[in-house]
Amino acid sequence: MKHTAFPKAMTIAALLLTLSARPIPAIAAVANSASAAEQDPAGFSRLDPTPPSGGLTADQIVQKFSARETEFDLARQTYIFRQSVKVQTIDDGNRPDGEYQQVTDITFNRDGKREERVVFAPQNTLERVMMSPADFQDIEHRLPFVLTTADLPQYDVTYLGRQKVDELDTYVFSAGPKVLVKGKRYFQGKVWVDQQDFQIVLVNGKSVPDDKRKGHEDLSPPFTTYYEQIDGKYWFPTYTKAEGNLHFAADNYTAGQDVHMQTIVKYSDYKRFRATSKIIYNGEDITNNGAETPATTPPKPKP
């Protein structure tokens, strides 16, 4: 998120994500995994630091859930869904004083190629900040965080313990980049992994690094993303909330300023689209759970 001292039109980028609202347990979004564990928000049991159950080591669990995340990441590419993003600046009275919003249907064209159709995009009224390319990339890749087998070597993943989240028994890990490569963004925070499905069901942290160079500041708030089980098999992201005060230092054009930001991202209406080719993972056809489906016309986007 970049600071601006005067109204600017936001560049509208593709690949923004949609929403299905639902009751969620309260959790403060923080990048520090230890402080998150100490908060014990509603719906969360206390973190149990004892080793994993079932004879598995922490490293074995990491390998299992990264493999499942790889499968999930491939499967999600065969689904259509609605993506919705609302970004707001909040004034001292806790009221929105600027807003960007866009709703997009992620679908396939008649040739089976993925495409985005913007179905709602009111006028952007953000004045104190403007969206940056990093913001759009975060919305696409890091808010719905996936830790695949290919991504795993880039991260330090540490076992923190076991914790019950609502009715789910989970393993909790901290995750952060081993090395910050110039020009790349990473997730840093905590991930909760379902003990039965070995898939991520909750993440809490932020995208790093922030660009803090004077006159080039590009900052982002911490976030929490919740996942729901789709088609009885895959845990897909359904709701993200990012909120925090971004501190922009003074430069030659503007005085220093703190900007309270809030972003809500929702992902809804997941439906598997017919496959034009098979997706094979570990020797298994995971396209349509291994079953062929007849070719169909993509459904019309909702108004």
Protein backbone atom coordinates (compact mmCIF):
# COMPACT_ATOMS: atom_id res chain seq x y z
CA MET A 1 0.00 0.00 0.00
CA LYS A 2 1.54 3.29 -1.09
CA HIS A 3 0.91 6.66 0.52
CA THR A 4 -0.44 9.56 -1.52
CA ALA A 5 -1.03 13.13 -0.42
CA PHE A 6 -3.73 13.79 -2.99
CA PRO A 7 -6.50 11.82 -4.73
CA LYS A 8 -5.22 9.36 -7.31
CA ALA A 9 -7.05 6.83 -9.42
CA MET A 10 -6.05 3.28 -8.53
CA THR A 11 -4.71 1.05 -11.24
CA ILE A 12 -7.20 -1.80 -11.50
CA ALA A 13 -5.30 -5.09 -11.76
CA ALA A 14 -6.76 -8.49 -12.42
CA LEU A 15 -6.67 -11.48 -10.11
CA LEU A 16 -8.54 -10.25 -7.04
CA LEU A 17 -10.29 -12.73 -4.79
CA THR A 18 -14.07 -13.32 -3.71
CA LEU A 19 -16.16 -13.97 -0.68
CA SER A 20 -18.43 -16.05 1.33
CA ALA A 21 -19.21 -14.44 4.65
CA ARG A 22 -19.55 -16.66 7.68
CA PRO A 23 -19.21 -16.44 11.46
CA ILE A 24 -15.54 -16.70 12.37
CA PRO A 25 -13.64 -16.88 15.63
CA ALA A 26 -11.98 -13.63 16.64
CA ILE A 27 -8.20 -13.58 16.29
CA ALA A 28 -5.86 -10.62 16.26
CA ALA A 29 -3.75 -10.62 13.11
CA VAL A 30 -0.10 -10.50 14.14
CA ALA A 31 3.14 -11.45 12.49
CA ASN A 32 4.72 -12.69 15.71
CA SER A 33 3.70 -16.29 16.15
CA ALA A 34 4.49 -16.45 19.86
CA SER A 35 2.25 -13.53 20.78
CA ALA A 36 -0.58 -15.02 18.72
CA ALA A 37 -0.33 -18.26 20.66
CA GLU A 38 -0.58 -16.45 23.98
CA GLN A 39 -3.82 -14.66 23.13
CA ASP A 40 -6.11 -17.71 23.15
CA PRO A 41 -8.93 -15.93 21.25
CA ALA A 42 -12.53 -17.12 21.27
CA GLY A 43 -12.91 -20.57 19.70
CA PHE A 44 -9.29 -21.50 20.34
CA SER A 45 -8.08 -23.84 23.06
CA ARG A 46 -4.75 -23.16 24.72
CA LEU A 47 -1.76 -24.18 22.66
CA ASP A 48 -0.44 -27.59 23.76
CA PRO A 49 3.32 -27.68 23.05
CA THR A 50 3.61 -31.48 23.35
CA PRO A 51 4.87 -33.45 20.31
CA PRO A 52 2.47 -34.60 17.57
CA SER A 53 0.30 -37.64 18.15
CA GLY A 54 0.05 -40.82 16.07
CA GLY A 55 3.77 -41.55 15.96
CA LEU A 56 4.50 -38.81 13.40
CA THR A 57 7.38 -36.41 13.79
CA ALA A 58 6.96 -32.69 13.12
CA ASP A 59 9.07 -32.99 9.97
CA GLN A 60 6.87 -35.82 8.69
CA ILE A 61 3.77 -33.69 9.24
CA VAL A 62 5.35 -30.82 7.32
CA GLN A 63 6.11 -33.15 4.40
CA LYS A 64 2.56 -34.57 4.48
CA PHE A 65 0.78 -31.22 4.56
CA SER A 66 3.04 -29.65 1.91
CA ALA A 67 2.20 -32.60 -0.38
CA ARG A 68 -1.52 -32.13 0.32
CA GLU A 69 -1.14 -28.38 -0.31
CA THR A 70 0.43 -29.16 -3.68
CA GLU A 71 -2.57 -31.32 -4.56
CA PHE A 72 -4.98 -28.64 -3.33
CA ASP A 73 -3.20 -25.94 -5.35
CA LEU A 74 -3.56 -27.99 -8.54
CA ALA A 75 -7.20 -28.87 -7.80
CA ARG A 76 -8.20 -25.25 -7.16
CA GLN A 77 -7.16 -24.46 -10.73
CA THR A 78 -10.12 -26.59 -11.90
CA TYR A 79 -12.69 -24.61 -9.89
CA ILE A 80 -14.65 -21.50 -10.75
CA PHE A 81 -15.45 -19.08 -7.94
CA ARG A 82 -16.34 -15.49 -7.13
CA GLN A 83 -13.71 -13.14 -5.75
CA SER A 84 -14.51 -9.97 -3.88
CA VAL A 85 -12.18 -7.38 -2.37
CA LYS A 86 -12.99 -4.33 -0.27
CA VAL A 87 -10.15 -2.04 0.83
CA GLN A 88 -10.91 0.85 3.17
CA THR A 89 -9.08 3.62 4.98
CA ILE A 90 -10.54 4.26 8.45
CA ASP A 91 -10.67 7.71 10.06
CA ASP A 92 -10.14 8.64 13.72
CA GLY A 93 -13.85 8.07 14.39
CA ASN A 94 -13.52 4.48 13.17
CA ARG A 95 -15.50 5.25 10.00
CA PRO A 96 -14.42 4.49 6.40
CA ASP A 97 -13.23 7.62 4.60
CA GLY A 98 -12.15 5.95 1.36
CA GLU A 99 -12.88 2.67 -0.37
CA TYR A 100 -11.84 0.47 -3.27
CA GLN A 101 -14.03 -2.46 -4.20
CA GLN A 102 -14.09 -5.04 -6.96
CA VAL A 103 -15.99 -8.29 -7.47
CA THR A 104 -14.69 -10.73 -10.07
CA ASP A 105 -15.88 -14.11 -11.29
CA ILE A 106 -12.97 -16.48 -11.89
CA THR A 107 -14.18 -18.84 -14.59
CA PHE A 108 -13.24 -20.51 -17.88
CA ASN A 109 -14.01 -19.52 -21.45
CA ARG A 110 -15.36 -21.92 -24.07
CA ASP A 111 -11.82 -22.98 -24.92
CA GLY A 112 -11.22 -24.03 -21.33
CA LYS A 113 -8.86 -21.16 -20.55
CA ARG A 114 -9.05 -19.40 -17.19
CA GLU A 115 -10.38 -15.86 -17.24
CA GLU A 116 -11.65 -13.14 -14.90
CA ARG A 117 -14.92 -11.25 -15.41
CA VAL A 118 -15.40 -8.09 -13.37
CA VAL A 119 -19.04 -7.99 -12.27
CA PHE A 120 -18.94 -5.05 -9.85
CA ALA A 121 -16.45 -2.18 -9.65
CA PRO A 122 -17.79 1.06 -8.13
CA GLN A 123 -15.74 4.25 -8.26
CA ASN A 124 -12.58 4.13 -6.23
CA THR A 125 -12.66 6.76 -3.43
CA LEU A 126 -9.30 6.03 -1.76
CA GLU A 127 -7.38 9.26 -1.29
CA ARG A 128 -4.80 8.75 1.46
CA VAL A 129 -3.30 5.62 -0.11
CA MET A 130 -3.15 3.92 -3.47
CA MET A 131 -2.90 0.24 -4.29
CA SER A 132 0.46 -1.00 -5.52
CA PRO A 133 1.35 -4.03 -7.68
CA ALA A 134 2.55 -5.76 -4.48
CA ASP A 135 -0.95 -5.36 -2.98
CA PHE A 136 -2.58 -7.14 -5.91
CA GLN A 137 0.06 -9.88 -5.86
CA ASP A 138 -0.52 -10.37 -2.13
CA ILE A 139 -4.26 -10.69 -2.68
CA GLU A 140 -3.67 -13.33 -5.34
CA HIS A 141 -0.84 -15.35 -3.78
CA ARG A 142 -0.22 -14.68 -0.09
CA LEU A 143 -3.55 -13.92 1.55
CA PRO A 144 -4.81 -17.36 0.40
CA PHE A 145 -1.49 -18.84 1.52
CA VAL A 146 -0.46 -22.22 0.12
CA LEU A 147 2.76 -23.97 1.19
CA THR A 148 3.48 -26.51 -1.52
CA THR A 149 6.34 -28.99 -1.75
CA ALA A 150 8.02 -26.69 -4.28
CA ASP A 151 7.71 -23.68 -1.94
CA LEU A 152 8.86 -25.53 1.19
CA PRO A 153 12.65 -25.09 0.67
CA GLN A 154 12.16 -21.32 0.81
CA TYR A 155 10.66 -21.41 4.33
CA ASP A 156 11.71 -22.17 7.87
CA VAL A 157 8.79 -24.13 9.35
CA THR A 158 8.80 -24.79 13.10
CA TYR A 159 6.38 -26.94 15.07
CA LEU A 160 4.66 -25.02 17.90
CA GLY A 161 2.16 -27.55 19.23
CA ARG A 162 -1.42 -28.76 19.04
CA GLN A 163 -4.52 -26.58 19.32
CA LYS A 164 -8.27 -27.00 18.96
CA VAL A 165 -9.90 -24.38 16.70
CA ASP A 166 -13.66 -24.58 17.10
CA GLU A 167 -14.27 -28.30 16.38
CA LEU A 168 -11.01 -28.91 14.53
CA ASP A 169 -7.93 -30.55 16.01
CA THR A 170 -4.92 -28.84 14.47
CA TYR A 171 -1.14 -28.78 14.48
CA VAL A 172 0.33 -25.27 14.68
CA PHE A 173 3.50 -24.16 12.91
CA SER A 174 5.37 -20.92 12.48
CA ALA A 175 6.53 -20.18 8.94
CA GLY A 176 8.79 -17.53 7.51
CA PRO A 177 11.27 -17.06 4.66
CA LYS A 178 14.78 -18.46 5.06
CA VAL A 179 16.21 -15.72 2.86
CA LEU A 180 14.57 -12.58 1.49
CA VAL A 181 15.24 -12.59 -2.24
CA LYS A 182 15.07 -9.15 -3.84
CA GLY A 183 11.83 -8.58 -5.71
CA LYS A 184 9.98 -11.47 -4.04
CA ARG A 185 7.31 -11.46 -1.32
CA TYR A 186 6.74 -14.12 1.32
CA PHE A 187 4.37 -15.10 4.10
CA GLN A 188 5.52 -14.80 7.71
CA GLY A 189 3.38 -15.94 10.63
CA LYS A 190 1.48 -19.02 11.81
CA VAL A 191 -0.36 -21.82 10.02
CA TRP A 192 -2.89 -24.24 11.51
CA VAL A 193 -2.98 -27.70 9.87
CA ASP A 194 -5.92 -30.07 10.29
CA GLN A 195 -4.73 -33.25 12.04
CA GLN A 196 -6.90 -35.50 9.88
CA ASP A 197 -6.69 -33.97 6.40
CA PHE A 198 -3.17 -32.50 6.72
CA GLN A 199 -4.25 -29.28 5.02
CA ILE A 200 -3.96 -25.67 6.13
CA VAL A 201 -7.24 -24.46 7.66
CA LEU A 202 -6.12 -21.07 9.06
CA VAL A 203 -3.21 -18.68 8.60
CA ASN A 204 -2.30 -15.57 10.59
CA GLY A 205 0.60 -13.28 9.73
CA LYS A 206 1.67 -10.79 7.08
CA SER A 207 3.39 -10.44 3.75
CA VAL A 208 7.07 -9.54 3.92
CA PRO A 209 9.18 -7.60 3.32
CA ASP A 210 7.65 -4.12 3.48
CA ASP A 211 9.43 -1.53 1.35
CA LYS A 212 10.47 1.17 3.85
CA ARG A 213 12.69 3.23 1.58
CA LYS A 214 11.99 6.92 2.00
CA GLY A 215 9.77 8.10 -0.83
CA HIS A 216 9.11 4.53 -1.98
CA GLU A 217 7.26 3.09 1.00
CA ASP A 218 4.98 0.16 0.22
CA LEU A 219 3.41 -1.26 3.40
CA SER A 220 0.85 -3.94 4.20
CA PRO A 221 -1.14 -4.81 7.34
CA PRO A 222 -1.23 -8.23 9.06
CA PHE A 223 -4.02 -10.60 8.04
CA THR A 224 -5.93 -13.74 8.95
CA THR A 225 -7.32 -16.16 6.35
CA TYR A 226 -9.92 -18.85 7.09
CA TYR A 227 -10.48 -21.97 4.98
CA GLU A 228 -13.51 -24.23 4.54
CA GLN A 229 -13.78 -27.76 3.21
CA ILE A 230 -15.14 -27.86 -0.34
CA ASP A 231 -16.59 -31.01 -1.92
CA GLY A 232 -15.62 -32.96 1.19
CA LYS A 233 -11.96 -33.02 0.16
CA TYR A 234 -10.14 -29.72 -0.22
CA TRP A 235 -9.78 -26.84 2.23
CA PHE A 236 -10.16 -23.68 0.14
CA PRO A 237 -9.81 -20.08 1.39
CA THR A 238 -13.17 -18.40 2.02
CA TYR A 239 -12.48 -15.29 4.11
CA THR A 240 -9.56 -12.95 4.77
CA LYS A 241 -9.37 -9.91 7.01
CA ALA A 242 -6.33 -7.64 7.04
CA GLU A 243 -6.19 -4.65 9.37
CA GLY A 244 -3.58 -2.39 10.89
CA ASN A 245 -2.06 1.08 11.12
CA LEU A 246 0.49 1.74 8.38
CA HIS A 247 3.13 4.31 9.32
CA PHE A 248 4.34 6.40 6.39
CA ALA A 249 7.38 8.52 7.19
CA ALA A 250 7.71 12.15 6.10
CA ASP A 251 9.34 12.88 2.75
CA ASN A 252 9.94 15.94 0.56
CA TYR A 253 6.26 16.09 -0.42
CA THR A 254 4.24 14.86 2.55
CA ALA A 255 4.29 14.91 6.33
CA GLY A 256 4.54 11.61 8.16
CA GLN A 257 1.18 9.91 8.60
CA ASP A 258 -0.39 6.82 10.12
CA VAL A 259 -3.15 5.32 7.98
CA HIS A 260 -5.59 2.80 9.46
CA MET A 261 -6.29 0.21 6.75
CA GLN A 262 -8.84 -2.58 6.55
CA THR A 263 -9.15 -5.15 3.77
CA ILE A 264 -11.84 -7.83 3.52
CA VAL A 265 -11.45 -10.54 0.88
CA LYS A 266 -14.11 -13.20 0.35
CA TYR A 267 -14.10 -16.28 -1.87
CA SER A 268 -17.45 -17.91 -2.65
CA ASP A 269 -19.45 -20.16 -4.99
CA TYR A 270 -16.71 -22.71 -5.59
CA LYS A 271 -17.77 -25.11 -8.32
CA ARG A 272 -15.66 -27.62 -10.18
CA PHE A 273 -15.48 -26.91 -13.89
CA ARG A 274 -15.26 -29.72 -16.43
CA ALA A 275 -11.68 -30.68 -17.21
CA THR A 276 -10.23 -30.61 -20.70
CA SER A 277 -7.19 -32.54 -19.49
CA LYS A 278 -6.27 -34.68 -16.50
CA ILE A 279 -4.33 -33.49 -13.49
CA ILE A 280 -2.06 -36.26 -12.24
CA TYR A 281 -0.44 -35.93 -8.82
CA ASN A 282 1.67 -38.71 -7.30
CA GLY A 283 0.32 -41.08 -9.92
CA GLU A 284 -3.32 -40.32 -9.04
CA ASP A 285 -5.86 -38.60 -11.27
CA ILE A 286 -7.16 -35.81 -9.03
CA THR A 287 -9.19 -34.19 -11.81
CA ASN A 288 -12.81 -34.40 -10.69
CA ASN A 289 -11.68 -36.87 -8.01
CA GLY A 290 -10.64 -39.26 -10.77
CA ALA A 291 -14.03 -39.27 -12.55
CA GLU A 292 -14.66 -37.93 -16.01
CA THR A 293 -17.38 -35.34 -16.42
CA PRO A 294 -19.09 -34.27 -19.63
CA ALA A 295 -18.16 -31.00 -21.24
CA THR A 296 -20.42 -28.18 -20.13
CA THR A 297 -20.83 -24.50 -20.84
CA PRO A 298 -19.43 -22.31 -18.06
CA PRO A 299 -22.26 -20.98 -15.85
CA LYS A 300 -23.31 -17.38 -16.32
CA PRO A 301 -21.81 -15.03 -13.74
CA LYS A 302 -24.20 -13.86 -11.03
CA PRO A 303 -25.35 -10.29 -11.36
